[in-house]
Amino acid sequence: MSFVSEYAVAAPAVAVAHFGQRLALETDCADVQACLAAGDVDFVLLHVVGSDATFARRHVPGALHLPHRQISAERMAQWPADTLFVVYCAGPHCNGADQAALKLARLGLPVKLMIGGLTGWADEGFAFESAVEAV
């Protein structure tokens, strides 16, 4: 028996539920970049960590800078309640996107986390943008 098959594989219905749930909560850098490139952006992309200077130096194109500590009902009221937010942070070593996603969900707003964050974006070889876009 291999390390792979040492544990029983889940039933297909369990796998459908598990992976469906993950995809309901997450997206990835390639999907976000493809949407940006096609002009098919039906979400608001939020860069949720760092200072204004850090954001200005390097962020995903089209992203708005809204640090997770500044997310509030009052701040989010500028968007319709059914707006999908996609949040990202520095990368796998950062939990800022998780904190932002939790705050948005607690406010009753649709949210997905862009896995990989800035590290994933760079690993994919995608271009960054430089300039401050304040929320």
N, C-alpha and C. Protein backbone atom coordinates (compact mmCIF):
# COMPACT_ATOMS: atom_id res chain seq x y z
N MET A 1 0.85 -1.18 0.00
CA MET A 1 0.00 0.00 0.00
C MET A 1 0.90 1.25 0.00
N SER A 2 0.60 2.19 -0.84
CA SER A 2 1.40 3.41 -0.95
C SER A 2 0.97 4.44 0.09
N PHE A 3 1.78 5.49 0.24
CA PHE A 3 1.41 6.60 1.12
C PHE A 3 0.12 7.26 0.63
N VAL A 4 -0.10 7.24 -0.68
CA VAL A 4 -1.29 7.85 -1.26
C VAL A 4 -2.54 7.06 -0.90
N SER A 5 -2.46 5.76 -1.00
CA SER A 5 -3.65 4.94 -0.77
C SER A 5 -3.76 4.39 0.65
N GLU A 6 -2.85 4.79 1.51
CA GLU A 6 -2.87 4.30 2.89
C GLU A 6 -4.18 4.60 3.59
N TYR A 7 -4.78 5.76 3.30
CA TYR A 7 -6.07 6.14 3.89
C TYR A 7 -7.15 5.96 2.85
N ALA A 8 -8.29 5.52 3.28
CA ALA A 8 -9.41 5.28 2.37
C ALA A 8 -9.78 6.56 1.63
N VAL A 9 -10.10 6.42 0.37
CA VAL A 9 -10.52 7.56 -0.43
C VAL A 9 -11.98 7.88 -0.09
N ALA A 10 -12.31 9.16 -0.13
CA ALA A 10 -13.68 9.58 0.16
C ALA A 10 -14.61 9.16 -0.97
N ALA A 11 -15.85 8.95 -0.61
CA ALA A 11 -16.88 8.67 -1.61
C ALA A 11 -17.02 9.88 -2.52
N PRO A 12 -17.36 9.67 -3.78
CA PRO A 12 -17.50 10.81 -4.71
C PRO A 12 -18.43 11.91 -4.17
N ALA A 13 -19.51 11.55 -3.52
CA ALA A 13 -20.42 12.57 -2.99
C ALA A 13 -19.74 13.44 -1.93
N VAL A 14 -18.88 12.82 -1.13
CA VAL A 14 -18.13 13.56 -0.12
C VAL A 14 -17.14 14.50 -0.81
N ALA A 15 -16.49 14.02 -1.85
CA ALA A 15 -15.53 14.84 -2.59
C ALA A 15 -16.25 16.01 -3.26
N VAL A 16 -17.42 15.78 -3.83
CA VAL A 16 -18.18 16.87 -4.46
C VAL A 16 -18.51 17.94 -3.42
N ALA A 17 -18.97 17.53 -2.26
CA ALA A 17 -19.31 18.50 -1.21
C ALA A 17 -18.07 19.26 -0.76
N HIS A 18 -16.97 18.56 -0.55
CA HIS A 18 -15.75 19.19 -0.07
C HIS A 18 -15.18 20.19 -1.07
N PHE A 19 -14.98 19.75 -2.30
CA PHE A 19 -14.36 20.62 -3.29
C PHE A 19 -15.31 21.73 -3.73
N GLY A 20 -16.61 21.45 -3.75
CA GLY A 20 -17.59 22.49 -4.04
C GLY A 20 -17.55 23.58 -2.99
N GLN A 21 -17.42 23.18 -1.72
CA GLN A 21 -17.32 24.15 -0.63
C GLN A 21 -16.05 24.99 -0.75
N ARG A 22 -14.95 24.36 -1.06
CA ARG A 22 -13.69 25.12 -1.22
C ARG A 22 -13.81 26.15 -2.34
N LEU A 23 -14.39 25.73 -3.47
CA LEU A 23 -14.51 26.66 -4.60
C LEU A 23 -15.53 27.76 -4.33
N ALA A 24 -16.46 27.52 -3.41
CA ALA A 24 -17.41 28.56 -3.02
C ALA A 24 -16.73 29.64 -2.17
N LEU A 25 -15.61 29.28 -1.56
CA LEU A 25 -14.92 30.18 -0.65
C LEU A 25 -13.64 30.76 -1.23
N GLU A 26 -13.10 30.14 -2.26
CA GLU A 26 -11.79 30.52 -2.79
C GLU A 26 -11.81 30.67 -4.31
N THR A 27 -10.90 31.50 -4.78
CA THR A 27 -10.57 31.57 -6.19
C THR A 27 -9.05 31.61 -6.25
N ASP A 28 -8.49 31.59 -7.45
CA ASP A 28 -7.03 31.63 -7.51
C ASP A 28 -6.57 32.77 -8.41
N CYS A 29 -5.28 32.99 -8.39
CA CYS A 29 -4.68 34.10 -9.14
C CYS A 29 -4.96 33.98 -10.63
N ALA A 30 -4.88 32.78 -11.17
CA ALA A 30 -5.09 32.60 -12.61
C ALA A 30 -6.52 32.96 -13.01
N ASP A 31 -7.50 32.59 -12.20
CA ASP A 31 -8.89 32.92 -12.52
C ASP A 31 -9.12 34.43 -12.42
N VAL A 32 -8.56 35.06 -11.40
CA VAL A 32 -8.71 36.51 -11.26
C VAL A 32 -8.04 37.21 -12.44
N GLN A 33 -6.84 36.80 -12.79
CA GLN A 33 -6.13 37.43 -13.90
C GLN A 33 -6.89 37.24 -15.21
N ALA A 34 -7.45 36.05 -15.43
CA ALA A 34 -8.22 35.79 -16.66
C ALA A 34 -9.44 36.71 -16.73
N CYS A 35 -10.10 36.93 -15.62
CA CYS A 35 -11.25 37.84 -15.59
C CYS A 35 -10.81 39.27 -15.89
N LEU A 36 -9.71 39.69 -15.28
CA LEU A 36 -9.20 41.04 -15.52
C LEU A 36 -8.84 41.21 -16.99
N ALA A 37 -8.15 40.23 -17.56
CA ALA A 37 -7.71 40.32 -18.96
C ALA A 37 -8.89 40.35 -19.92
N ALA A 38 -9.95 39.62 -19.59
CA ALA A 38 -11.13 39.55 -20.46
C ALA A 38 -12.10 40.70 -20.21
N GLY A 39 -11.86 41.48 -19.17
CA GLY A 39 -12.80 42.55 -18.82
C GLY A 39 -14.08 42.00 -18.24
N ASP A 40 -14.02 40.80 -17.72
CA ASP A 40 -15.19 40.12 -17.16
C ASP A 40 -15.10 40.15 -15.64
N VAL A 41 -15.14 41.35 -15.09
CA VAL A 41 -14.95 41.54 -13.66
C VAL A 41 -16.29 41.82 -13.00
N ASP A 42 -16.80 40.81 -12.32
CA ASP A 42 -18.08 40.94 -11.62
C ASP A 42 -17.87 40.88 -10.11
N PHE A 43 -16.74 41.41 -9.67
CA PHE A 43 -16.35 41.40 -8.27
C PHE A 43 -15.51 42.64 -7.99
N VAL A 44 -15.36 42.95 -6.71
CA VAL A 44 -14.47 44.01 -6.27
C VAL A 44 -13.27 43.34 -5.63
N LEU A 45 -12.10 43.65 -6.14
CA LEU A 45 -10.86 43.05 -5.67
C LEU A 45 -10.25 43.96 -4.60
N LEU A 46 -10.06 43.39 -3.40
CA LEU A 46 -9.54 44.16 -2.27
C LEU A 46 -8.18 43.66 -1.82
N HIS A 47 -7.23 44.55 -1.76
CA HIS A 47 -5.90 44.33 -1.19
C HIS A 47 -6.04 44.72 0.27
N VAL A 48 -5.98 43.75 1.17
CA VAL A 48 -6.45 43.98 2.54
C VAL A 48 -5.36 44.10 3.60
N VAL A 49 -4.12 44.28 3.19
CA VAL A 49 -3.02 44.43 4.15
C VAL A 49 -2.10 45.56 3.73
N GLY A 50 -1.25 45.97 4.66
CA GLY A 50 -0.18 46.89 4.35
C GLY A 50 -0.58 48.36 4.38
N SER A 51 0.44 49.16 4.30
CA SER A 51 0.27 50.61 4.30
C SER A 51 -0.08 51.10 2.89
N ASP A 52 -0.47 52.36 2.80
CA ASP A 52 -0.73 52.95 1.49
C ASP A 52 0.53 52.92 0.62
N ALA A 53 1.69 53.13 1.25
CA ALA A 53 2.95 53.12 0.50
C ALA A 53 3.26 51.73 -0.04
N THR A 54 3.01 50.71 0.76
CA THR A 54 3.23 49.33 0.31
C THR A 54 2.30 48.99 -0.84
N PHE A 55 1.03 49.38 -0.71
CA PHE A 55 0.06 49.16 -1.78
C PHE A 55 0.48 49.89 -3.05
N ALA A 56 0.91 51.14 -2.90
CA ALA A 56 1.30 51.94 -4.07
C ALA A 56 2.47 51.31 -4.81
N ARG A 57 3.35 50.68 -4.05
CA ARG A 57 4.54 50.07 -4.66
C ARG A 57 4.18 48.86 -5.51
N ARG A 58 3.21 48.02 -5.03
CA ARG A 58 2.92 46.79 -5.77
C ARG A 58 1.59 46.20 -5.32
N HIS A 59 0.68 46.05 -6.29
CA HIS A 59 -0.60 45.40 -6.02
C HIS A 59 -1.15 44.79 -7.31
N VAL A 60 -2.15 43.97 -7.16
CA VAL A 60 -2.80 43.34 -8.31
C VAL A 60 -3.56 44.43 -9.07
N PRO A 61 -3.46 44.46 -10.39
CA PRO A 61 -4.16 45.48 -11.17
C PRO A 61 -5.66 45.51 -10.84
N GLY A 62 -6.16 46.72 -10.70
CA GLY A 62 -7.58 46.90 -10.44
C GLY A 62 -7.99 46.77 -8.99
N ALA A 63 -7.06 46.39 -8.13
CA ALA A 63 -7.39 46.22 -6.72
C ALA A 63 -7.55 47.56 -6.02
N LEU A 64 -8.40 47.56 -5.02
CA LEU A 64 -8.56 48.71 -4.14
C LEU A 64 -7.90 48.37 -2.81
N HIS A 65 -7.31 49.35 -2.18
CA HIS A 65 -6.64 49.12 -0.90
C HIS A 65 -7.62 49.39 0.24
N LEU A 66 -7.95 48.35 0.97
CA LEU A 66 -8.80 48.46 2.15
C LEU A 66 -8.29 47.47 3.19
N PRO A 67 -7.37 47.93 4.05
CA PRO A 67 -6.83 47.04 5.08
C PRO A 67 -7.96 46.41 5.91
N HIS A 68 -7.79 45.14 6.25
CA HIS A 68 -8.86 44.41 6.94
C HIS A 68 -9.27 45.09 8.24
N ARG A 69 -8.37 45.79 8.90
CA ARG A 69 -8.72 46.47 10.15
C ARG A 69 -9.66 47.66 9.91
N GLN A 70 -9.79 48.09 8.67
CA GLN A 70 -10.66 49.22 8.35
C GLN A 70 -12.01 48.78 7.78
N ILE A 71 -12.22 47.49 7.65
CA ILE A 71 -13.50 47.00 7.13
C ILE A 71 -14.56 47.18 8.21
N SER A 72 -15.64 47.85 7.82
CA SER A 72 -16.77 48.07 8.73
C SER A 72 -18.04 48.15 7.89
N ALA A 73 -19.17 48.07 8.56
CA ALA A 73 -20.45 48.19 7.85
C ALA A 73 -20.54 49.54 7.15
N GLU A 74 -20.08 50.58 7.81
CA GLU A 74 -20.13 51.92 7.22
C GLU A 74 -19.26 52.00 5.97
N ARG A 75 -18.08 51.43 6.04
CA ARG A 75 -17.15 51.45 4.91
C ARG A 75 -17.69 50.65 3.73
N MET A 76 -18.33 49.52 4.01
CA MET A 76 -18.79 48.65 2.94
C MET A 76 -20.12 49.10 2.34
N ALA A 77 -20.78 50.05 2.98
CA ALA A 77 -22.09 50.53 2.51
C ALA A 77 -22.01 51.21 1.15
N GLN A 78 -20.82 51.53 0.68
CA GLN A 78 -20.69 52.19 -0.63
C GLN A 78 -20.95 51.23 -1.79
N TRP A 79 -21.02 49.94 -1.51
CA TRP A 79 -21.31 48.95 -2.54
C TRP A 79 -22.67 48.31 -2.30
N PRO A 80 -23.34 47.85 -3.36
CA PRO A 80 -24.58 47.11 -3.16
C PRO A 80 -24.34 45.86 -2.30
N ALA A 81 -25.34 45.46 -1.56
CA ALA A 81 -25.21 44.34 -0.62
C ALA A 81 -24.87 43.02 -1.29
N ASP A 82 -25.16 42.88 -2.58
CA ASP A 82 -24.87 41.62 -3.26
C ASP A 82 -23.53 41.63 -4.00
N THR A 83 -22.70 42.66 -3.77
CA THR A 83 -21.38 42.75 -4.39
C THR A 83 -20.50 41.61 -3.90
N LEU A 84 -19.87 40.92 -4.84
CA LEU A 84 -18.90 39.88 -4.49
C LEU A 84 -17.55 40.55 -4.28
N PHE A 85 -16.95 40.30 -3.11
CA PHE A 85 -15.62 40.80 -2.81
C PHE A 85 -14.62 39.66 -2.90
N VAL A 86 -13.50 39.91 -3.55
CA VAL A 86 -12.39 38.97 -3.60
C VAL A 86 -11.25 39.65 -2.85
N VAL A 87 -10.77 38.98 -1.82
CA VAL A 87 -9.75 39.56 -0.95
C VAL A 87 -8.44 38.80 -1.11
N TYR A 88 -7.34 39.55 -0.96
CA TYR A 88 -6.02 38.91 -0.97
C TYR A 88 -5.09 39.69 -0.06
N CYS A 89 -4.03 39.00 0.35
CA CYS A 89 -3.02 39.62 1.20
C CYS A 89 -1.65 39.29 0.61
N ALA A 90 -0.63 39.28 1.46
CA ALA A 90 0.73 39.07 0.98
C ALA A 90 0.96 37.67 0.43
N GLY A 91 0.34 36.68 1.01
CA GLY A 91 0.53 35.32 0.53
C GLY A 91 0.26 34.30 1.61
N PRO A 92 0.72 33.08 1.41
CA PRO A 92 0.41 31.99 2.33
C PRO A 92 0.88 32.21 3.76
N HIS A 93 1.84 33.09 3.94
CA HIS A 93 2.37 33.37 5.27
C HIS A 93 1.59 34.46 5.99
N CYS A 94 0.53 34.95 5.39
CA CYS A 94 -0.25 36.08 5.90
C CYS A 94 -1.70 35.64 6.09
N ASN A 95 -2.33 36.07 7.19
CA ASN A 95 -3.73 35.72 7.38
C ASN A 95 -4.66 36.93 7.23
N GLY A 96 -4.15 38.00 6.66
CA GLY A 96 -4.97 39.20 6.46
C GLY A 96 -6.19 38.95 5.59
N ALA A 97 -6.05 38.14 4.57
CA ALA A 97 -7.19 37.85 3.70
C ALA A 97 -8.24 37.04 4.45
N ASP A 98 -7.79 36.12 5.30
CA ASP A 98 -8.74 35.36 6.12
C ASP A 98 -9.50 36.29 7.06
N GLN A 99 -8.78 37.22 7.68
CA GLN A 99 -9.42 38.16 8.59
C GLN A 99 -10.43 39.04 7.84
N ALA A 100 -10.06 39.51 6.65
CA ALA A 100 -10.96 40.32 5.85
C ALA A 100 -12.19 39.52 5.43
N ALA A 101 -11.97 38.29 4.98
CA ALA A 101 -13.08 37.45 4.54
C ALA A 101 -14.06 37.21 5.68
N LEU A 102 -13.54 36.94 6.86
CA LEU A 102 -14.39 36.72 8.02
C LEU A 102 -15.20 37.97 8.35
N LYS A 103 -14.56 39.14 8.33
CA LYS A 103 -15.28 40.38 8.61
C LYS A 103 -16.39 40.63 7.59
N LEU A 104 -16.07 40.42 6.31
CA LEU A 104 -17.07 40.64 5.27
C LEU A 104 -18.23 39.66 5.42
N ALA A 105 -17.92 38.41 5.68
CA ALA A 105 -18.98 37.40 5.86
C ALA A 105 -19.85 37.74 7.07
N ARG A 106 -19.23 38.19 8.15
CA ARG A 106 -20.00 38.59 9.33
C ARG A 106 -20.92 39.78 9.04
N LEU A 107 -20.54 40.59 8.06
CA LEU A 107 -21.39 41.71 7.64
C LEU A 107 -22.46 41.25 6.65
N GLY A 108 -22.47 39.97 6.33
CA GLY A 108 -23.47 39.42 5.42
C GLY A 108 -23.14 39.63 3.95
N LEU A 109 -21.87 39.87 3.64
CA LEU A 109 -21.45 40.15 2.27
C LEU A 109 -20.81 38.94 1.62
N PRO A 110 -21.05 38.74 0.33
CA PRO A 110 -20.42 37.63 -0.39
C PRO A 110 -18.92 37.87 -0.52
N VAL A 111 -18.13 36.83 -0.27
CA VAL A 111 -16.68 36.99 -0.30
C VAL A 111 -15.99 35.70 -0.71
N LYS A 112 -14.90 35.86 -1.44
CA LYS A 112 -14.00 34.77 -1.77
C LYS A 112 -12.58 35.24 -1.50
N LEU A 113 -11.74 34.32 -1.12
CA LEU A 113 -10.33 34.59 -0.88
C LEU A 113 -9.53 34.18 -2.12
N MET A 114 -8.64 35.06 -2.59
CA MET A 114 -7.76 34.71 -3.70
C MET A 114 -6.53 34.02 -3.09
N ILE A 115 -6.50 32.70 -3.22
CA ILE A 115 -5.41 31.94 -2.62
C ILE A 115 -4.08 32.32 -3.28
N GLY A 116 -3.05 32.37 -2.47
CA GLY A 116 -1.72 32.72 -2.96
C GLY A 116 -1.36 34.16 -2.74
N GLY A 117 -2.35 35.06 -2.81
CA GLY A 117 -2.09 36.48 -2.61
C GLY A 117 -1.02 37.01 -3.54
N LEU A 118 -0.27 37.99 -3.05
CA LEU A 118 0.79 38.59 -3.87
C LEU A 118 1.86 37.58 -4.25
N THR A 119 2.16 36.65 -3.35
CA THR A 119 3.16 35.62 -3.64
C THR A 119 2.69 34.75 -4.80
N GLY A 120 1.44 34.34 -4.76
CA GLY A 120 0.89 33.53 -5.85
C GLY A 120 0.85 34.28 -7.16
N TRP A 121 0.48 35.56 -7.10
CA TRP A 121 0.44 36.40 -8.30
C TRP A 121 1.82 36.46 -8.94
N ALA A 122 2.84 36.68 -8.11
CA ALA A 122 4.22 36.73 -8.61
C ALA A 122 4.65 35.38 -9.16
N ASP A 123 4.32 34.30 -8.45
CA ASP A 123 4.69 32.96 -8.90
C ASP A 123 4.09 32.63 -10.26
N GLU A 124 2.92 33.18 -10.55
CA GLU A 124 2.27 32.96 -11.85
C GLU A 124 2.90 33.82 -12.95
N GLY A 125 3.72 34.78 -12.55
CA GLY A 125 4.37 35.65 -13.53
C GLY A 125 3.48 36.79 -14.01
N PHE A 126 2.43 37.09 -13.26
CA PHE A 126 1.52 38.16 -13.65
C PHE A 126 2.09 39.52 -13.26
N ALA A 127 1.77 40.53 -14.04
CA ALA A 127 2.26 41.88 -13.80
C ALA A 127 1.54 42.53 -12.62
N PHE A 128 2.27 43.36 -11.91
CA PHE A 128 1.71 44.14 -10.83
C PHE A 128 1.44 45.55 -11.34
N GLU A 129 0.67 46.27 -10.56
CA GLU A 129 0.36 47.68 -10.84
C GLU A 129 0.94 48.50 -9.70
N SER A 130 1.27 49.75 -10.01
CA SER A 130 1.77 50.68 -9.00
C SER A 130 0.95 51.95 -9.09
N ALA A 131 0.33 52.33 -8.00
CA ALA A 131 -0.44 53.57 -7.88
C ALA A 131 -1.42 53.37 -6.75
N VAL A 132 -1.77 54.43 -6.11
CA VAL A 132 -2.71 54.33 -4.99
C VAL A 132 -4.12 54.53 -5.51
N GLU A 133 -4.98 53.59 -5.20
CA GLU A 133 -6.41 53.72 -5.44
C GLU A 133 -7.07 53.56 -4.09
N ALA A 134 -7.50 54.64 -3.52
CA ALA A 134 -8.09 54.60 -2.18
C ALA A 134 -9.57 54.24 -2.25
N VAL A 135 -10.02 53.60 -1.21
CA VAL A 135 -11.45 53.26 -1.09
C VAL A 135 -12.12 54.33 -0.27
